[in-house]
Amino acid sequence: MIQIDLEKGLVNLKDNDSLKEYSLGSPEAFALLSKAWLRCGWDNKYVYGFSWLGRPIIQLPEDLIRIQELIYRLQPDVIVETGVAHGGSLIFYATLCKAMEKGRIIGVDIEIRPHNRKALDEHFLRPYITLIEGSSIDEKIVNQVKSLVQPHEKVLVLLDSCHTYDHVMNELKAYAPLVSRDSYIVVMDGIMEDLVGAPRTKEDWKHDNPKQAASDFVKLHQDFVMEEPRFPFNEGNIQQRVTYWPSGYLRCVRA
């Protein structure tokens, strides 16, 4: 149980018979409160309240800022995203490509609903985006994505479609060969593991989740390591991300 005393500036963690006390200004207190905030946000569908240039974007804002940092550093030629939904994240990445004057997006989804496709087709950033409809692990779809990438191009892959262990593992196996050395494949929504018992969750999320798939994948594939991107600027005390994507960044170390 977490207790917050704003007057004294303390955060207390009670665990059975033990009590740990942290200053409100400590990284430990920040970590405890962030974990509670993430759970509260899930219960209240916090991430369902944002848009980017007119399109709903169902992502934690901090995750978007962090992936922006990585995209700017990598300067990828191609960003492949599985999972389109309303298309907000595609527009977000396209905005970065336009600003950098480099890059394009390939979005894959098993179903691109007509109203979402229409909105994307009418968006001024549509020229940066290629849409592919079909299962992201279907061999024909994977081959179609690969056909759109040239051998010399730097590729970043973002996995945000079906979040079951099996699906994510199959996506990792399918798209990892596309990822350029020192680029990443990012496995999203590993927070599922920590949400069991919350509304809209399932008991098997303890093991049936993207984080577990990412962890097992790097154990079996030595050309990838689980590695957090460095913060390009940090004058604060916090070294860990507040994120829906824990353990989600896999860097390619292929020779």
Protein backbone atom coordinates (compact mmCIF):
# COMPACT_ATOMS: atom_id res chain seq x y z
CA MET A 1 0.00 0.00 0.00
CA ILE A 2 1.27 3.47 -0.91
CA GLN A 3 0.63 6.40 1.41
CA ILE A 4 1.34 9.99 0.35
CA ASP A 5 1.91 12.78 2.85
CA LEU A 6 2.23 16.01 0.88
CA GLU A 7 2.63 18.15 4.00
CA LYS A 8 5.68 16.18 5.13
CA GLY A 9 6.83 15.48 1.59
CA LEU A 10 6.89 11.70 2.12
CA VAL A 11 5.80 8.58 0.30
CA ASN A 12 5.40 5.45 2.43
CA LEU A 13 5.27 1.89 1.11
CA LYS A 14 3.66 -0.61 3.46
CA ASP A 15 4.35 -4.26 2.61
CA ASN A 16 3.06 -6.78 5.15
CA ASP A 17 4.79 -5.76 8.40
CA SER A 18 7.47 -3.59 6.82
CA LEU A 19 7.31 0.14 6.16
CA LYS A 20 9.64 2.00 3.81
CA GLU A 21 9.69 5.78 3.78
CA TYR A 22 10.88 7.89 0.87
CA SER A 23 11.25 11.59 0.35
CA LEU A 24 8.78 12.91 -2.21
CA GLY A 25 11.79 14.31 -4.08
CA SER A 26 13.52 10.93 -4.42
CA PRO A 27 13.68 8.74 -7.55
CA GLU A 28 12.24 5.88 -5.46
CA ALA A 29 9.12 7.90 -4.65
CA PHE A 30 8.80 8.91 -8.29
CA ALA A 31 8.95 5.23 -9.35
CA LEU A 32 6.25 4.21 -6.86
CA LEU A 33 3.92 7.07 -7.77
CA SER A 34 4.51 6.50 -11.50
CA LYS A 35 3.52 2.84 -11.17
CA ALA A 36 0.33 3.85 -9.37
CA TRP A 37 -0.33 6.60 -11.94
CA LEU A 38 0.07 4.16 -14.83
CA ARG A 39 -2.43 1.77 -13.25
CA CYS A 40 -4.86 4.61 -12.53
CA GLY A 41 -4.45 5.81 -16.10
CA TRP A 42 -5.26 2.35 -17.44
CA ASP A 43 -8.38 2.12 -15.28
CA ASN A 44 -9.54 5.51 -16.59
CA LYS A 45 -8.51 4.92 -20.24
CA TYR A 46 -6.23 7.94 -20.04
CA VAL A 47 -4.44 7.20 -23.32
CA TYR A 48 -7.76 7.34 -25.19
CA GLY A 49 -7.87 11.11 -24.83
CA PHE A 50 -5.25 12.38 -27.27
CA SER A 51 -4.93 13.17 -30.96
CA TRP A 52 -2.15 14.24 -33.30
CA LEU A 53 -2.93 16.63 -36.14
CA GLY A 54 -6.54 15.54 -36.17
CA ARG A 55 -6.18 11.77 -35.73
CA PRO A 56 -6.72 9.89 -32.45
CA ILE A 57 -3.44 8.53 -31.10
CA ILE A 58 -3.80 5.87 -28.41
CA GLN A 59 -0.38 6.17 -26.80
CA LEU A 60 1.08 7.46 -23.57
CA PRO A 61 2.42 10.96 -24.35
CA GLU A 62 5.77 10.20 -22.69
CA ASP A 63 6.25 7.19 -24.96
CA LEU A 64 5.68 9.44 -27.97
CA ILE A 65 8.30 11.93 -26.80
CA ARG A 66 10.80 9.13 -26.18
CA ILE A 67 10.25 7.45 -29.55
CA GLN A 68 10.63 10.90 -31.15
CA GLU A 69 14.05 11.18 -29.53
CA LEU A 70 15.08 7.84 -30.99
CA ILE A 71 13.72 8.59 -34.46
CA TYR A 72 15.56 11.89 -34.59
CA ARG A 73 18.82 10.21 -33.56
CA LEU A 74 18.46 7.30 -35.99
CA GLN A 75 17.14 9.29 -38.96
CA PRO A 76 15.56 6.13 -40.45
CA ASP A 77 14.67 5.85 -44.11
CA VAL A 78 11.71 3.61 -43.32
CA ILE A 79 9.53 3.20 -40.23
CA VAL A 80 7.39 0.05 -40.26
CA GLU A 81 4.48 0.04 -37.82
CA THR A 82 2.17 -2.92 -37.28
CA GLY A 83 -1.18 -1.79 -35.91
CA VAL A 84 -2.82 1.26 -37.48
CA ALA A 85 -6.09 1.78 -35.54
CA HIS A 86 -7.14 5.43 -36.14
CA GLY A 87 -3.83 6.28 -37.77
CA GLY A 88 -2.67 8.87 -35.25
CA SER A 89 0.72 7.27 -34.71
CA LEU A 90 1.30 7.04 -38.47
CA ILE A 91 0.61 10.77 -38.73
CA PHE A 92 2.89 11.42 -35.76
CA TYR A 93 5.80 9.58 -37.41
CA ALA A 94 5.03 11.22 -40.76
CA THR A 95 5.26 14.61 -39.04
CA LEU A 96 8.78 13.75 -37.91
CA CYS A 97 9.73 12.57 -41.40
CA LYS A 98 8.48 15.83 -42.89
CA ALA A 99 10.34 17.88 -40.28
CA MET A 100 13.58 15.92 -40.81
CA GLU A 101 13.08 15.90 -44.57
CA LYS A 102 13.80 12.19 -44.49
CA GLY A 103 11.88 8.94 -44.15
CA ARG A 104 8.55 7.34 -44.89
CA ILE A 105 6.09 5.09 -43.07
CA ILE A 106 4.66 1.64 -43.82
CA GLY A 107 1.56 0.89 -41.75
CA VAL A 108 0.17 -2.65 -41.51
CA ASP A 109 -3.16 -3.64 -39.98
CA ILE A 110 -5.41 -6.67 -40.31
CA GLU A 111 -8.35 -4.27 -40.82
CA ILE A 112 -8.16 -0.62 -41.80
CA ARG A 113 -11.69 0.59 -41.23
CA PRO A 114 -13.19 2.67 -44.04
CA HIS A 115 -13.63 5.85 -41.96
CA ASN A 116 -10.01 5.65 -40.78
CA ARG A 117 -8.70 5.01 -44.29
CA LYS A 118 -10.75 7.94 -45.60
CA ALA A 119 -9.39 10.26 -42.93
CA LEU A 120 -5.82 9.16 -43.66
CA ASP A 121 -6.32 9.44 -47.41
CA GLU A 122 -7.48 13.04 -46.96
CA HIS A 123 -4.64 14.01 -44.62
CA PHE A 124 -1.92 16.31 -45.94
CA LEU A 125 0.76 13.91 -44.65
CA ARG A 126 -0.66 10.94 -46.59
CA PRO A 127 2.20 11.00 -49.18
CA TYR A 128 4.57 9.82 -46.44
CA ILE A 129 2.47 6.74 -45.63
CA THR A 130 1.94 3.38 -47.34
CA LEU A 131 -0.99 1.38 -45.97
CA ILE A 132 -1.09 -2.42 -46.16
CA GLU A 133 -4.19 -4.30 -45.04
CA GLY A 134 -3.76 -7.84 -43.78
CA SER A 135 -2.32 -9.83 -40.89
CA SER A 136 1.13 -8.57 -39.97
CA ILE A 137 2.37 -12.16 -39.65
CA ASP A 138 0.90 -13.41 -42.94
CA GLU A 139 3.82 -14.40 -45.18
CA LYS A 140 2.37 -12.51 -48.15
CA ILE A 141 1.99 -9.34 -46.09
CA VAL A 142 5.51 -9.64 -44.65
CA ASN A 143 6.91 -10.12 -48.15
CA GLN A 144 4.96 -7.10 -49.37
CA VAL A 145 6.52 -4.97 -46.63
CA LYS A 146 9.99 -6.29 -47.47
CA SER A 147 9.46 -5.51 -51.15
CA LEU A 148 9.00 -1.82 -50.26
CA VAL A 149 12.38 -1.56 -48.53
CA GLN A 150 15.67 -1.16 -50.38
CA PRO A 151 18.76 -3.04 -49.12
CA HIS A 152 20.68 0.14 -48.25
CA GLU A 153 17.85 1.76 -46.26
CA LYS A 154 17.87 2.18 -42.48
CA VAL A 155 14.76 0.58 -41.00
CA LEU A 156 13.03 1.00 -37.63
CA VAL A 157 10.21 -1.43 -36.75
CA LEU A 158 7.41 -0.73 -34.24
CA LEU A 159 5.12 -3.56 -33.14
CA ASP A 160 1.70 -2.40 -31.94
CA SER A 161 -0.88 -4.80 -33.35
CA CYS A 162 -2.14 -7.94 -31.58
CA HIS A 163 -0.39 -8.15 -28.21
CA THR A 164 -0.51 -11.88 -27.48
CA TYR A 165 2.79 -13.64 -26.83
CA ASP A 166 2.52 -15.84 -29.93
CA HIS A 167 1.62 -12.99 -32.28
CA VAL A 168 4.40 -10.71 -31.04
CA MET A 169 6.94 -13.54 -31.19
CA ASN A 170 5.92 -14.26 -34.79
CA GLU A 171 6.18 -10.54 -35.64
CA LEU A 172 9.65 -10.40 -34.12
CA LYS A 173 10.79 -13.36 -36.18
CA ALA A 174 9.23 -11.92 -39.35
CA TYR A 175 10.42 -8.31 -39.13
CA ALA A 176 13.72 -8.56 -37.26
CA PRO A 177 15.64 -9.29 -40.49
CA LEU A 178 14.52 -5.88 -41.80
CA VAL A 179 16.01 -3.96 -38.88
CA SER A 180 19.29 -2.21 -39.63
CA ARG A 181 22.36 -2.53 -37.43
CA ASP A 182 22.09 -0.16 -34.42
CA SER A 183 18.44 0.48 -35.22
CA TYR A 184 15.62 -1.00 -33.15
CA ILE A 185 12.55 -3.14 -33.16
CA VAL A 186 10.23 -1.72 -30.50
CA VAL A 187 7.75 -4.01 -28.76
CA MET A 188 4.87 -1.96 -27.39
CA ASP A 189 2.45 -2.48 -24.49
CA GLY A 190 4.55 -4.79 -22.34
CA ILE A 191 2.82 -3.10 -19.40
CA MET A 192 0.11 -5.76 -19.77
CA GLU A 193 2.14 -7.94 -17.41
CA ASP A 194 1.70 -5.43 -14.58
CA LEU A 195 -2.01 -4.76 -15.11
CA VAL A 196 -3.49 -8.14 -14.23
CA GLY A 197 -6.50 -7.61 -11.97
CA ALA A 198 -7.32 -4.19 -13.45
CA PRO A 199 -10.44 -3.59 -15.57
CA ARG A 200 -10.27 -4.95 -19.14
CA THR A 201 -7.45 -7.38 -18.31
CA LYS A 202 -7.08 -11.16 -18.27
CA GLU A 203 -5.33 -13.41 -15.77
CA ASP A 204 -3.13 -14.95 -18.46
CA TRP A 205 -1.60 -11.54 -19.22
CA LYS A 206 0.98 -12.47 -16.57
CA HIS A 207 2.71 -14.56 -19.23
CA ASP A 208 0.78 -13.89 -22.44
CA ASN A 209 2.16 -10.45 -23.21
CA PRO A 210 4.61 -8.58 -25.48
CA LYS A 211 7.25 -8.09 -22.77
CA GLN A 212 7.64 -11.84 -22.31
CA ALA A 213 7.88 -12.35 -26.06
CA ALA A 214 10.61 -9.70 -26.31
CA SER A 215 12.54 -11.23 -23.42
CA ASP A 216 12.41 -14.72 -24.91
CA PHE A 217 13.28 -13.44 -28.38
CA VAL A 218 16.57 -11.84 -27.32
CA LYS A 219 17.55 -15.03 -25.50
CA LEU A 220 17.22 -16.94 -28.77
CA HIS A 221 18.63 -14.29 -31.14
CA GLN A 222 22.10 -12.99 -30.38
CA ASP A 223 21.86 -10.28 -33.03
CA PHE A 224 19.47 -8.34 -30.77
CA VAL A 225 19.88 -6.98 -27.26
CA MET A 226 17.32 -5.44 -24.94
CA GLU A 227 18.63 -1.93 -24.55
CA GLU A 228 17.07 1.34 -23.49
CA PRO A 229 17.90 4.26 -25.79
CA ARG A 230 19.96 6.91 -24.04
CA PHE A 231 18.30 10.15 -22.94
CA PRO A 232 19.80 12.87 -25.16
CA PHE A 233 19.08 15.45 -22.44
CA ASN A 234 18.60 14.85 -18.74
CA GLU A 235 19.37 17.34 -15.98
CA GLY A 236 16.96 15.64 -13.59
CA ASN A 237 17.20 12.74 -11.15
CA ILE A 238 15.07 10.25 -13.07
CA GLN A 239 16.83 7.62 -15.18
CA GLN A 240 13.89 5.35 -16.03
CA ARG A 241 11.05 5.98 -18.47
CA VAL A 242 7.42 6.21 -17.40
CA THR A 243 6.08 3.92 -20.06
CA TYR A 244 3.56 1.46 -21.44
CA TRP A 245 6.50 -0.22 -23.23
CA PRO A 246 8.77 -1.66 -20.50
CA SER A 247 11.67 -3.76 -21.84
CA GLY A 248 10.40 -2.94 -25.31
CA TYR A 249 13.47 -1.57 -27.08
CA LEU A 250 15.50 -4.26 -28.89
CA ARG A 251 18.64 -2.96 -30.60
CA CYS A 252 20.10 -4.78 -33.57
CA VAL A 253 23.79 -5.65 -33.06
CA ARG A 254 24.07 -7.73 -36.19
CA ALA A 255 27.60 -7.75 -37.66
